[in-house]
Amino acid sequence: MKVGYLGPRGTFTDLAVRSAFPDLEGIAYTTIPECIEAVKKEEVEIAVVPFENALEGSVNLTIDYLFHEETVPIKAELIVPIQQHLMVHPSQQKNWREVEKILSHPQAIAQSHKFLYHHFRGVTIEQMTSTAAAAKYISEHPELKMAAIANKIAAEKYKLTIVKENIHDYAFNHTRFIVLSRHNEENLSIQLKSTSVVKTTIMVTIPTDRAGGLHQVLSAFAWRQINLSKIESRPLKTGLGNYFFMIDINQSFDDILVKNAIEEIEALECTVKYLGSYQTYKVEEI
């Protein structure tokens, strides 16, 4: 069985895959859509992609692609602690404070905003497809005065020197990754201890001319005492003011109350897209 993930080697997604699927072959892809498409095309049986960060919120590209393009079922979620470090090529170690450009993934840059503002104000910040891609680029250009924001695995993989550890703005920094597959969860052999948390994720589109539509949707859960851990709006891409809502429900879809709530929402002429009902797994340490 093969697992697709956001590469190259050394990304946090790679770490999540190594923790959950240590015995399976990992296939690195350049972008999140490529990972999702790989499951659809049966190049891999599983894809692991970032879904939400504790500091910067949802990974919009993942949410939008699952809504607008490909619906691949969510079979599990992996919670991974995130530690961002500043690293340079060993040849630049002595003068690392004089770097002229810092490379990383947009989420990692945002998570380290305070550090960059106080220590590298005015330095060019360039976005890359992943933290590991930034580390790889630095390793291939030792002559350039550049640094990358990435993790320890990337530093080891690409033989970079960490000059400043834990530069993320807040100590509690975790990312939620989702496991996408058309196989049943019990066949995925996730090598982590599951938590007691079970979630169901749906995406709801409300008729545009319905006043109080969102209130009616939430009421279907509220009077049944169903806890929602997250609700977020995203553009429908059909015009300003048009949105769909992603909702995380802290119960299994098999619960009769959850099914009844969704039936009530559909009776209100709302469109409901079911992404999956799944278990949560935690990676205790990197």
Protein backbone atom coordinates (compact mmCIF):
# COMPACT_ATOMS: atom_id res chain seq x y z
CA MET A 1 0.00 0.00 0.00
CA LYS A 2 1.31 3.49 -0.91
CA VAL A 3 0.80 6.80 0.93
CA GLY A 4 0.88 10.14 -0.88
CA TYR A 5 1.93 13.25 1.06
CA LEU A 6 2.97 16.86 0.59
CA GLY A 7 6.71 16.63 -0.09
CA PRO A 8 9.58 16.63 -0.48
CA ARG A 9 11.00 14.48 2.32
CA GLY A 10 11.22 16.32 5.62
CA THR A 11 7.88 18.16 5.61
CA PHE A 12 5.58 17.99 8.62
CA THR A 13 3.25 15.92 6.45
CA ASP A 14 6.11 13.49 5.93
CA LEU A 15 6.51 13.33 9.72
CA ALA A 16 2.81 12.58 10.11
CA VAL A 17 3.06 9.78 7.53
CA ARG A 18 6.15 8.28 9.14
CA SER A 19 4.41 8.23 12.52
CA ALA A 20 1.11 6.75 11.33
CA PHE A 21 2.31 4.50 8.50
CA PRO A 22 5.95 3.55 9.25
CA ASP A 23 5.78 0.35 7.22
CA LEU A 24 4.17 1.76 4.07
CA GLU A 25 5.83 3.34 1.03
CA GLY A 26 5.55 7.11 1.03
CA ILE A 27 5.18 8.98 -2.27
CA ALA A 28 5.98 12.71 -2.18
CA TYR A 29 3.88 15.18 -4.21
CA THR A 30 4.56 18.86 -4.80
CA THR A 31 1.10 20.24 -3.98
CA ILE A 32 -1.98 19.36 -1.91
CA PRO A 33 -4.22 18.94 -5.02
CA GLU A 34 -1.70 16.48 -6.46
CA CYS A 35 -1.94 14.40 -3.27
CA ILE A 36 -5.73 14.30 -3.45
CA GLU A 37 -5.74 13.57 -7.18
CA ALA A 38 -3.29 10.70 -6.61
CA VAL A 39 -5.95 8.85 -4.58
CA LYS A 40 -8.55 9.47 -7.27
CA LYS A 41 -6.21 8.15 -9.98
CA GLU A 42 -5.28 5.17 -7.74
CA GLU A 43 -1.58 6.06 -7.83
CA VAL A 44 -1.73 5.69 -4.03
CA GLU A 45 -4.26 4.13 -1.66
CA ILE A 46 -3.90 6.85 0.99
CA ALA A 47 -3.19 10.58 0.96
CA VAL A 48 -2.23 12.65 4.00
CA VAL A 49 -2.69 16.43 3.74
CA PRO A 50 -2.70 19.34 6.23
CA PHE A 51 -6.15 20.50 7.28
CA GLU A 52 -5.81 22.99 10.14
CA ASN A 53 -3.14 24.65 12.27
CA ALA A 54 -3.68 25.73 15.87
CA LEU A 55 -2.12 29.15 15.21
CA GLU A 56 -3.12 29.97 11.64
CA GLY A 57 -6.42 28.13 11.25
CA SER A 58 -7.63 26.10 8.30
CA VAL A 59 -5.59 25.17 5.25
CA ASN A 60 -7.98 26.73 2.74
CA LEU A 61 -6.54 24.94 -0.29
CA THR A 62 -7.41 21.56 1.24
CA ILE A 63 -10.95 22.60 2.16
CA ASP A 64 -11.69 24.25 -1.17
CA TYR A 65 -10.31 21.38 -3.23
CA LEU A 66 -12.39 18.82 -1.34
CA PHE A 67 -15.50 20.95 -1.87
CA HIS A 68 -15.05 22.17 -5.45
CA GLU A 69 -13.00 19.43 -7.07
CA GLU A 70 -12.57 15.98 -5.52
CA THR A 71 -14.45 14.43 -2.60
CA VAL A 72 -12.22 11.71 -1.19
CA PRO A 73 -13.50 10.38 2.17
CA ILE A 74 -11.73 11.36 5.39
CA LYS A 75 -10.83 8.15 7.23
CA ALA A 76 -8.82 9.57 10.17
CA GLU A 77 -7.13 12.68 11.47
CA LEU A 78 -3.60 12.97 12.85
CA ILE A 79 -2.67 15.66 15.39
CA VAL A 80 1.04 16.49 15.14
CA PRO A 81 3.07 18.92 17.31
CA ILE A 82 4.79 21.57 15.18
CA GLN A 83 8.18 23.11 15.92
CA GLN A 84 9.57 25.70 13.52
CA HIS A 85 13.31 26.39 13.37
CA LEU A 86 15.47 28.84 11.44
CA MET A 87 18.23 27.08 9.51
CA VAL A 88 21.01 28.00 7.09
CA HIS A 89 23.64 26.26 5.01
CA PRO A 90 26.71 25.51 7.19
CA SER A 91 28.75 27.91 5.06
CA GLN A 92 26.44 30.76 6.19
CA GLN A 93 26.37 29.82 9.89
CA LYS A 94 28.69 32.57 11.16
CA ASN A 95 26.81 35.37 9.38
CA TRP A 96 23.24 34.02 9.67
CA ARG A 97 21.93 37.33 11.04
CA GLU A 98 22.87 38.94 7.71
CA VAL A 99 20.68 36.74 5.49
CA GLU A 100 18.98 38.59 2.65
CA LYS A 101 16.05 36.25 2.12
CA ILE A 102 14.05 33.73 4.20
CA LEU A 103 12.15 30.89 2.53
CA SER A 104 9.31 28.73 3.82
CA HIS A 105 5.70 27.60 3.41
CA PRO A 106 3.10 30.39 3.94
CA GLN A 107 1.75 28.73 7.11
CA ALA A 108 5.22 28.44 8.66
CA ILE A 109 5.94 32.09 7.82
CA ALA A 110 2.68 33.19 9.42
CA GLN A 111 3.34 31.04 12.51
CA SER A 112 6.70 32.79 12.96
CA HIS A 113 5.52 36.33 12.26
CA LYS A 114 6.65 37.88 15.56
CA PHE A 115 10.15 36.42 15.34
CA LEU A 116 10.57 37.60 11.75
CA TYR A 117 9.22 41.07 12.60
CA HIS A 118 11.58 41.60 15.54
CA HIS A 119 14.72 40.00 14.10
CA PHE A 120 14.47 40.26 10.31
CA ARG A 121 12.38 43.32 9.60
CA GLY A 122 12.93 44.40 6.00
CA VAL A 123 14.35 41.04 4.90
CA THR A 124 12.61 39.49 1.88
CA ILE A 125 10.30 36.62 2.80
CA GLU A 126 9.60 34.18 -0.04
CA GLN A 127 6.87 31.53 -0.03
CA MET A 128 7.62 27.95 -1.06
CA THR A 129 5.37 24.94 -1.64
CA SER A 130 6.53 23.36 1.64
CA THR A 131 8.98 23.89 4.50
CA ALA A 132 11.09 21.00 3.21
CA ALA A 133 11.19 22.52 -0.28
CA ALA A 134 12.65 25.66 1.32
CA ALA A 135 15.28 23.61 3.17
CA LYS A 136 16.14 21.71 0.01
CA TYR A 137 16.62 24.95 -1.95
CA ILE A 138 18.96 26.33 0.73
CA SER A 139 21.04 23.13 0.62
CA GLU A 140 21.41 23.42 -3.15
CA HIS A 141 22.53 27.10 -3.06
CA PRO A 142 25.26 27.40 -0.41
CA GLU A 143 26.58 30.61 -1.93
CA LEU A 144 23.37 32.55 -1.25
CA LYS A 145 22.70 34.46 1.97
CA MET A 146 19.41 32.70 2.67
CA ALA A 147 17.68 30.91 5.52
CA ALA A 148 14.74 28.51 5.72
CA ILE A 149 12.03 27.90 8.29
CA ALA A 150 11.49 24.17 8.67
CA ASN A 151 11.70 21.27 11.14
CA LYS A 152 14.62 19.25 12.54
CA ILE A 153 14.02 16.37 10.14
CA ALA A 154 14.44 18.73 7.18
CA ALA A 155 17.63 20.14 8.70
CA GLU A 156 19.04 16.62 9.08
CA LYS A 157 17.85 15.51 5.65
CA TYR A 158 19.38 18.48 3.80
CA LYS A 159 22.40 18.93 6.10
CA LEU A 160 21.53 22.43 7.29
CA THR A 161 22.48 24.11 10.56
CA ILE A 162 19.71 25.25 12.91
CA VAL A 163 20.68 28.71 14.18
CA LYS A 164 17.49 29.47 16.12
CA GLU A 165 15.10 26.89 17.55
CA ASN A 166 11.36 27.16 18.18
CA ILE A 167 10.73 30.47 16.45
CA HIS A 168 6.95 29.98 16.19
CA ASP A 169 4.95 32.69 17.98
CA TYR A 170 3.13 30.50 20.52
CA ALA A 171 4.24 27.39 22.39
CA PHE A 172 1.14 25.32 21.59
CA ASN A 173 1.52 24.76 17.88
CA HIS A 174 -0.15 21.67 16.43
CA THR A 175 -1.39 20.79 12.96
CA ARG A 176 -4.34 18.60 12.13
CA PHE A 177 -3.71 16.32 9.14
CA ILE A 178 -6.44 14.28 7.47
CA VAL A 179 -6.06 10.80 6.06
CA LEU A 180 -7.93 10.44 2.76
CA SER A 181 -8.70 7.02 1.29
CA ARG A 182 -11.39 4.94 -0.37
CA HIS A 183 -10.45 2.02 1.91
CA ASN A 184 -12.04 1.39 5.30
CA GLU A 185 -10.13 2.74 8.31
CA GLU A 186 -9.53 -0.74 9.78
CA ASN A 187 -7.63 -1.66 6.58
CA LEU A 188 -5.27 1.32 6.81
CA SER A 189 -3.16 -0.05 9.72
CA ILE A 190 -2.57 3.30 11.45
CA GLN A 191 0.32 2.71 13.89
CA LEU A 192 -0.81 5.24 16.50
CA LYS A 193 -3.00 4.98 19.57
CA SER A 194 -6.42 6.44 18.85
CA THR A 195 -8.06 8.95 21.18
CA SER A 196 -11.68 8.90 22.31
CA VAL A 197 -12.49 11.75 19.90
CA VAL A 198 -14.72 10.91 16.93
CA LYS A 199 -15.63 13.61 14.42
CA THR A 200 -17.95 13.94 11.46
CA THR A 201 -17.22 16.63 8.88
CA ILE A 202 -19.83 17.99 6.50
CA MET A 203 -20.06 20.95 4.11
CA VAL A 204 -23.36 22.79 3.89
CA THR A 205 -24.65 25.16 1.22
CA ILE A 206 -27.66 27.29 2.21
CA PRO A 207 -30.18 28.65 -0.35
CA THR A 208 -29.20 32.26 -1.04
CA ASP A 209 -32.70 33.69 -0.55
CA ARG A 210 -33.38 32.04 2.83
CA ALA A 211 -33.33 34.53 5.72
CA GLY A 212 -32.02 32.96 8.92
CA GLY A 213 -30.78 29.91 7.03
CA LEU A 214 -27.60 29.49 9.06
CA HIS A 215 -29.58 29.85 12.30
CA GLN A 216 -31.89 27.05 11.17
CA VAL A 217 -28.93 24.81 10.34
CA LEU A 218 -27.32 25.35 13.73
CA SER A 219 -30.65 24.90 15.51
CA ALA A 220 -30.97 21.40 14.02
CA PHE A 221 -27.89 20.46 16.06
CA ALA A 222 -28.55 22.67 19.10
CA TRP A 223 -31.95 21.32 20.17
CA ARG A 224 -30.59 17.76 19.85
CA GLN A 225 -27.64 18.78 22.09
CA ILE A 226 -25.08 17.81 19.43
CA ASN A 227 -21.76 19.56 19.99
CA LEU A 228 -20.10 21.30 17.05
CA SER A 229 -16.34 21.84 17.44
CA LYS A 230 -15.99 24.03 14.36
CA ILE A 231 -18.00 25.99 11.81
CA GLU A 232 -16.29 27.99 9.09
CA SER A 233 -17.45 29.78 5.96
CA ARG A 234 -15.62 29.61 2.64
CA PRO A 235 -16.43 31.36 -0.67
CA LEU A 236 -18.56 29.42 -3.13
CA LYS A 237 -16.62 31.16 -5.93
CA THR A 238 -19.90 32.08 -7.61
CA GLY A 239 -20.01 35.72 -6.51
CA LEU A 240 -19.44 38.00 -3.54
CA GLY A 241 -21.50 37.06 -0.50
CA ASN A 242 -21.96 33.41 -1.53
CA TYR A 243 -20.52 30.88 0.90
CA PHE A 244 -20.56 27.26 1.96
CA PHE A 245 -20.02 26.19 5.57
CA MET A 246 -17.68 23.48 6.82
CA ILE A 247 -18.94 21.95 10.08
CA ASP A 248 -17.13 19.56 12.43
CA ILE A 249 -19.51 17.50 14.57
CA ASN A 250 -18.15 15.84 17.71
CA GLN A 251 -20.13 12.65 17.19
CA SER A 252 -20.20 9.75 14.77
CA PHE A 253 -22.38 9.89 11.68
CA ASP A 254 -23.83 6.57 12.84
CA ASP A 255 -25.48 8.35 15.77
CA ILE A 256 -29.18 8.54 14.99
CA LEU A 257 -29.38 12.12 16.28
CA VAL A 258 -26.68 13.23 13.83
CA LYS A 259 -28.44 11.53 10.94
CA ASN A 260 -31.74 13.14 11.94
CA ALA A 261 -30.10 16.58 12.18
CA ILE A 262 -28.65 16.24 8.68
CA GLU A 263 -32.02 15.06 7.34
CA GLU A 264 -33.64 18.15 8.87
CA ILE A 265 -31.03 20.39 7.22
CA GLU A 266 -31.63 18.75 3.85
CA ALA A 267 -35.38 19.25 4.35
CA LEU A 268 -34.62 22.98 4.55
CA GLU A 269 -33.36 22.67 0.93
CA CYS A 270 -29.74 22.94 2.01
CA THR A 271 -27.11 20.89 0.18
CA VAL A 272 -25.02 18.69 2.49
CA LYS A 273 -21.70 17.22 1.38
CA TYR A 274 -20.48 14.45 3.69
CA LEU A 275 -16.68 14.24 4.01
CA GLY A 276 -16.41 11.48 6.57
CA SER A 277 -16.78 10.23 10.13
CA TYR A 278 -13.44 9.38 11.67
CA GLN A 279 -11.21 8.76 14.68
CA THR A 280 -8.51 11.12 15.98
CA TYR A 281 -4.91 9.95 16.50
CA LYS A 282 -2.18 11.94 18.24
CA VAL A 283 1.55 12.00 17.61
CA GLU A 284 3.00 12.59 21.09
CA GLU A 285 6.42 13.87 20.04
CA ILE A 286 8.48 14.44 16.91
